[in-house]
């Protein structure tokens, strides 16, 4: 299975594409969509939509895993991330790719085995699980790869299947 993991944001959208075959991971691609500050939000959102469409077209993932919106303390930030997340979900839906969403707690639990793990622990385990030699260039990219790993771990889980079915019934 090919999974596109996405860490949403307006300034930076981290992405990581991995293959998960017979219990083994391999990294296909990783990077970030970066939008320049100082331009209109709608132009930034269009850049995200267009660039993500290219990534999906190029790598043909069968699944997309995206981080659920996590509310910090800055309302302005959460609104812009929500807007970016909406555009990301639309691009994935238009590409007819299955979408799953995970909380930061789920990602940490899946990758490190502890839901309250530190960011550095998640990054290191992500690097180890994917067999990467050096540090992953951006935190957003590392987060996206961790989200993809989380999805690979959860895909066969009955709990995750139940959660996804319940969520679909609610919408």
C-alpha atoms as a PDB file:
ATOM      1  CA  UNK A   1       0.000   0.000   0.000  1.00  0.00           C
ATOM      2  CA  UNK A   2       1.234   3.485  -0.815  1.00  0.00           C
ATOM      3  CA  UNK A   3       0.414   6.115   1.799  1.00  0.00           C
ATOM      4  CA  UNK A   4       0.650   9.897   1.571  1.00  0.00           C
ATOM      5  CA  UNK A   5       0.998  11.401   5.038  1.00  0.00           C
ATOM      6  CA  UNK A   6       0.137  15.082   5.417  1.00  0.00           C
ATOM      7  CA  UNK A   7       0.848  17.572   8.181  1.00  0.00           C
ATOM      8  CA  UNK A   8      -1.460  20.489   7.327  1.00  0.00           C
ATOM      9  CA  UNK A   9      -0.603  24.158   7.613  1.00  0.00           C
ATOM     10  CA  UNK A  10      -0.946  27.395   5.671  1.00  0.00           C
ATOM     11  CA  UNK A  11       2.737  28.374   5.549  1.00  0.00           C
ATOM     12  CA  UNK A  12       4.086  24.813   5.358  1.00  0.00           C
ATOM     13  CA  UNK A  13       2.320  21.579   4.456  1.00  0.00           C
ATOM     14  CA  UNK A  14       4.584  18.657   5.245  1.00  0.00           C
ATOM     15  CA  UNK A  15       4.184  15.518   3.157  1.00  0.00           C
ATOM     16  CA  UNK A  16       5.698  12.066   3.091  1.00  0.00           C
ATOM     17  CA  UNK A  17       4.994   9.188   0.747  1.00  0.00           C
ATOM     18  CA  UNK A  18       5.779   5.697   1.968  1.00  0.00           C
ATOM     19  CA  UNK A  19       5.180   2.167   0.769  1.00  0.00           C
ATOM     20  CA  UNK A  20       4.125  -0.388   3.359  1.00  0.00           C
ATOM     21  CA  UNK A  21       4.447  -3.874   1.925  1.00  0.00           C
ATOM     22  CA  UNK A  22       4.435  -7.082   3.964  1.00  0.00           C
ATOM     23  CA  UNK A  23       5.152  -5.205   7.169  1.00  0.00           C
ATOM     24  CA  UNK A  24       8.118  -3.285   5.746  1.00  0.00           C
ATOM     25  CA  UNK A  25       8.407   0.455   5.156  1.00  0.00           C
ATOM     26  CA  UNK A  26      10.170   2.230   2.347  1.00  0.00           C
ATOM     27  CA  UNK A  27      10.286   5.961   1.754  1.00  0.00           C
ATOM     28  CA  UNK A  28       9.192   7.072  -1.707  1.00  0.00           C
ATOM     29  CA  UNK A  29       9.247  10.865  -1.322  1.00  0.00           C
ATOM     30  CA  UNK A  30       9.151  13.593   1.286  1.00  0.00           C
ATOM     31  CA  UNK A  31       9.071  17.336   1.345  1.00  0.00           C
ATOM     32  CA  UNK A  32       6.945  20.364   1.978  1.00  0.00           C
ATOM     33  CA  UNK A  33       4.650  22.700   0.152  1.00  0.00           C
ATOM     34  CA  UNK A  34       5.671  26.184   1.264  1.00  0.00           C
ATOM     35  CA  UNK A  35       3.568  29.260   0.627  1.00  0.00           C
ATOM     36  CA  UNK A  36       5.057  32.733   0.899  1.00  0.00           C
ATOM     37  CA  UNK A  37       3.877  35.095   3.616  1.00  0.00           C
ATOM     38  CA  UNK A  38       2.514  38.397   2.432  1.00  0.00           C
ATOM     39  CA  UNK A  39       0.311  37.114  -0.371  1.00  0.00           C
ATOM     40  CA  UNK A  40      -3.462  36.706  -0.152  1.00  0.00           C
ATOM     41  CA  UNK A  41      -4.693  33.686   1.767  1.00  0.00           C
ATOM     42  CA  UNK A  42      -6.775  32.488  -1.164  1.00  0.00           C
ATOM     43  CA  UNK A  43      -3.641  32.471  -3.348  1.00  0.00           C
ATOM     44  CA  UNK A  44      -1.785  30.462  -0.712  1.00  0.00           C
ATOM     45  CA  UNK A  45      -4.682  27.988  -0.543  1.00  0.00           C
ATOM     46  CA  UNK A  46      -4.676  27.629  -4.337  1.00  0.00           C
ATOM     47  CA  UNK A  47      -0.927  26.922  -4.256  1.00  0.00           C
ATOM     48  CA  UNK A  48      -1.514  24.171  -1.678  1.00  0.00           C
ATOM     49  CA  UNK A  49      -4.360  22.690  -3.715  1.00  0.00           C
ATOM     50  CA  UNK A  50      -2.408  22.744  -6.992  1.00  0.00           C
ATOM     51  CA  UNK A  51       0.863  21.438  -5.522  1.00  0.00           C
ATOM     52  CA  UNK A  52      -0.883  18.663  -3.608  1.00  0.00           C
ATOM     53  CA  UNK A  53      -2.703  17.661  -6.792  1.00  0.00           C
ATOM     54  CA  UNK A  54       0.693  17.311  -8.494  1.00  0.00           C
ATOM     55  CA  UNK A  55       2.049  15.209  -5.622  1.00  0.00           C
ATOM     56  CA  UNK A  56      -0.982  12.905  -5.729  1.00  0.00           C
ATOM     57  CA  UNK A  57      -0.737  12.618  -9.523  1.00  0.00           C
ATOM     58  CA  UNK A  58       2.985  11.873  -9.398  1.00  0.00           C
ATOM     59  CA  UNK A  59       3.035   9.305  -6.571  1.00  0.00           C
ATOM     60  CA  UNK A  60      -0.464   7.770  -6.920  1.00  0.00           C
ATOM     61  CA  UNK A  61      -1.078   6.960  -3.230  1.00  0.00           C
ATOM     62  CA  UNK A  62      -3.882   4.526  -2.434  1.00  0.00           C
ATOM     63  CA  UNK A  63      -4.373   6.119   0.988  1.00  0.00           C
ATOM     64  CA  UNK A  64      -3.957   9.563   2.527  1.00  0.00           C
ATOM     65  CA  UNK A  65      -3.428  10.064   6.245  1.00  0.00           C
ATOM     66  CA  UNK A  66      -3.792  13.563   7.645  1.00  0.00           C
ATOM     67  CA  UNK A  67      -3.448  14.984  11.115  1.00  0.00           C
ATOM     68  CA  UNK A  68      -6.676  16.124  12.721  1.00  0.00           C
ATOM     69  CA  UNK A  69      -6.852  19.756  13.677  1.00  0.00           C
ATOM     70  CA  UNK A  70      -5.289  20.339  17.061  1.00  0.00           C
ATOM     71  CA  UNK A  71      -6.316  23.557  18.761  1.00  0.00           C
ATOM     72  CA  UNK A  72      -3.462  25.465  20.339  1.00  0.00           C
ATOM     73  CA  UNK A  73      -3.996  28.864  21.942  1.00  0.00           C
ATOM     74  CA  UNK A  74      -3.836  31.089  18.869  1.00  0.00           C
ATOM     75  CA  UNK A  75      -7.274  31.367  17.226  1.00  0.00           C
ATOM     76  CA  UNK A  76      -5.885  33.035  14.112  1.00  0.00           C
ATOM     77  CA  UNK A  77      -3.502  30.125  13.537  1.00  0.00           C
ATOM     78  CA  UNK A  78      -6.183  27.482  14.009  1.00  0.00           C
ATOM     79  CA  UNK A  79      -8.460  29.194  11.472  1.00  0.00           C
ATOM     80  CA  UNK A  80      -5.765  29.375   8.776  1.00  0.00           C
ATOM     81  CA  UNK A  81      -4.759  25.752   9.395  1.00  0.00           C
ATOM     82  CA  UNK A  82      -8.433  24.730   9.174  1.00  0.00           C
ATOM     83  CA  UNK A  83      -8.735  26.528   5.836  1.00  0.00           C
ATOM     84  CA  UNK A  84      -5.615  24.801   4.521  1.00  0.00           C
ATOM     85  CA  UNK A  85      -6.862  21.463   5.848  1.00  0.00           C
ATOM     86  CA  UNK A  86     -10.149  21.941   3.987  1.00  0.00           C
ATOM     87  CA  UNK A  87      -8.327  22.553   0.715  1.00  0.00           C
ATOM     88  CA  UNK A  88      -6.145  19.491   1.347  1.00  0.00           C
ATOM     89  CA  UNK A  89      -9.180  17.291   2.019  1.00  0.00           C
ATOM     90  CA  UNK A  90     -10.843  18.611  -1.147  1.00  0.00           C
ATOM     91  CA  UNK A  91      -7.769  17.866  -3.274  1.00  0.00           C
ATOM     92  CA  UNK A  92      -7.636  14.310  -1.891  1.00  0.00           C
ATOM     93  CA  UNK A  93     -11.365  13.746  -2.365  1.00  0.00           C
ATOM     94  CA  UNK A  94     -11.235  15.078  -5.942  1.00  0.00           C
ATOM     95  CA  UNK A  95      -8.377  12.653  -6.627  1.00  0.00           C
ATOM     96  CA  UNK A  96     -10.558   9.828  -5.233  1.00  0.00           C
ATOM     97  CA  UNK A  97      -8.013   8.806  -2.626  1.00  0.00           C
ATOM     98  CA  UNK A  98      -9.134   7.226   0.664  1.00  0.00           C
ATOM     99  CA  UNK A  99      -8.657   9.650   3.566  1.00  0.00           C
ATOM    100  CA  UNK A 100      -8.017   8.787   7.215  1.00  0.00           C
ATOM    101  CA  UNK A 101      -7.472  11.259  10.041  1.00  0.00           C
ATOM    102  CA  UNK A 102      -5.398  10.844  13.188  1.00  0.00           C
ATOM    103  CA  UNK A 103      -4.906  12.864  16.337  1.00  0.00           C
ATOM    104  CA  UNK A 104      -1.398  13.757  17.507  1.00  0.00           C
ATOM    105  CA  UNK A 105      -1.940  11.350  20.423  1.00  0.00           C
ATOM    106  CA  UNK A 106      -2.715   8.482  18.020  1.00  0.00           C
ATOM    107  CA  UNK A 107       0.372   9.251  15.940  1.00  0.00           C
ATOM    108  CA  UNK A 108       2.667   9.317  18.974  1.00  0.00           C
ATOM    109  CA  UNK A 109       1.161   6.099  20.344  1.00  0.00           C
ATOM    110  CA  UNK A 110       1.563   4.331  17.019  1.00  0.00           C
ATOM    111  CA  UNK A 111       5.096   5.485  16.225  1.00  0.00           C
ATOM    112  CA  UNK A 112       6.703   5.604  19.689  1.00  0.00           C
ATOM    113  CA  UNK A 113       4.354   3.460  21.762  1.00  0.00           C
ATOM    114  CA  UNK A 114       3.622   6.317  24.152  1.00  0.00           C
ATOM    115  CA  UNK A 115       0.944   8.948  23.518  1.00  0.00           C
ATOM    116  CA  UNK A 116       2.770  11.666  25.440  1.00  0.00           C
ATOM    117  CA  UNK A 117       6.099  11.205  23.638  1.00  0.00           C
ATOM    118  CA  UNK A 118       8.256  14.241  22.940  1.00  0.00           C
ATOM    119  CA  UNK A 119       8.558  15.549  19.384  1.00  0.00           C
ATOM    120  CA  UNK A 120      12.232  14.512  19.274  1.00  0.00           C
ATOM    121  CA  UNK A 121      11.273  10.915  20.169  1.00  0.00           C
ATOM    122  CA  UNK A 122       8.693  10.785  17.374  1.00  0.00           C
ATOM    123  CA  UNK A 123      11.191  12.179  14.879  1.00  0.00           C
ATOM    124  CA  UNK A 124      13.872   9.675  15.878  1.00  0.00           C
ATOM    125  CA  UNK A 125      11.534   6.666  15.731  1.00  0.00           C
ATOM    126  CA  UNK A 126      10.219   7.843  12.365  1.00  0.00           C
ATOM    127  CA  UNK A 127      13.786   8.033  11.071  1.00  0.00           C
ATOM    128  CA  UNK A 128      14.575   4.550  12.446  1.00  0.00           C
ATOM    129  CA  UNK A 129      11.375   2.907  11.169  1.00  0.00           C
ATOM    130  CA  UNK A 130      11.965   4.288   7.680  1.00  0.00           C
ATOM    131  CA  UNK A 131      15.691   3.472   7.696  1.00  0.00           C
ATOM    132  CA  UNK A 132      16.698   7.061   6.970  1.00  0.00           C
ATOM    133  CA  UNK A 133      20.347   7.950   7.514  1.00  0.00           C
ATOM    134  CA  UNK A 134      20.214  11.609   8.436  1.00  0.00           C
ATOM    135  CA  UNK A 135      17.858  13.993  10.138  1.00  0.00           C
ATOM    136  CA  UNK A 136      14.605  14.685   8.312  1.00  0.00           C
ATOM    137  CA  UNK A 137      14.960  18.258   6.976  1.00  0.00           C
ATOM    138  CA  UNK A 138      11.746  19.845   8.299  1.00  0.00           C
ATOM    139  CA  UNK A 139       9.647  19.085  11.381  1.00  0.00           C
ATOM    140  CA  UNK A 140       6.529  19.281   9.193  1.00  0.00           C
ATOM    141  CA  UNK A 141       7.935  16.621   6.860  1.00  0.00           C
ATOM    142  CA  UNK A 142       8.869  14.381   9.805  1.00  0.00           C
ATOM    143  CA  UNK A 143       5.348  14.786  11.191  1.00  0.00           C
ATOM    144  CA  UNK A 144       3.852  13.840   7.817  1.00  0.00           C
ATOM    145  CA  UNK A 145       5.984  10.694   7.650  1.00  0.00           C
ATOM    146  CA  UNK A 146       4.960   9.792  11.218  1.00  0.00           C
ATOM    147  CA  UNK A 147       1.293  10.222  10.249  1.00  0.00           C
ATOM    148  CA  UNK A 148       1.822   7.863   7.288  1.00  0.00           C
ATOM    149  CA  UNK A 149       3.478   5.297   9.591  1.00  0.00           C
ATOM    150  CA  UNK A 150       0.566   5.629  12.020  1.00  0.00           C
ATOM    151  CA  UNK A 151      -1.859   4.883   9.200  1.00  0.00           C
ATOM    152  CA  UNK A 152       0.124   1.820   8.130  1.00  0.00           C
ATOM    153  CA  UNK A 153       0.063   0.522  11.709  1.00  0.00           C
ATOM    154  CA  UNK A 154      -3.654   1.246  12.151  1.00  0.00           C
ATOM    155  CA  UNK A 155      -4.967   0.094   8.781  1.00  0.00           C
ATOM    156  CA  UNK A 156      -5.320  -3.551   9.805  1.00  0.00           C
ATOM    157  CA  UNK A 157      -6.675  -2.697  13.221  1.00  0.00           C
ATOM    158  CA  UNK A 158     -10.303  -3.531  13.943  1.00  0.00           C
ATOM    159  CA  UNK A 159     -10.434  -0.502  16.221  1.00  0.00           C
ATOM    160  CA  UNK A 160      -9.432   1.840  13.388  1.00  0.00           C
ATOM    161  CA  UNK A 161     -11.916   0.197  11.004  1.00  0.00           C
ATOM    162  CA  UNK A 162     -14.680   0.682  13.564  1.00  0.00           C
ATOM    163  CA  UNK A 163     -13.636   4.309  14.099  1.00  0.00           C
ATOM    164  CA  UNK A 164     -13.642   5.058  10.357  1.00  0.00           C
ATOM    165  CA  UNK A 165     -17.037   3.373   9.822  1.00  0.00           C
ATOM    166  CA  UNK A 166     -18.554   5.272  12.737  1.00  0.00           C
ATOM    167  CA  UNK A 167     -17.164   8.545  11.386  1.00  0.00           C
ATOM    168  CA  UNK A 168     -18.579   7.897   7.896  1.00  0.00           C
ATOM    169  CA  UNK A 169     -22.037   7.210   9.350  1.00  0.00           C
ATOM    170  CA  UNK A 170     -21.922  10.530  11.186  1.00  0.00           C
ATOM    171  CA  UNK A 171     -21.258  12.511   7.984  1.00  0.00           C
END
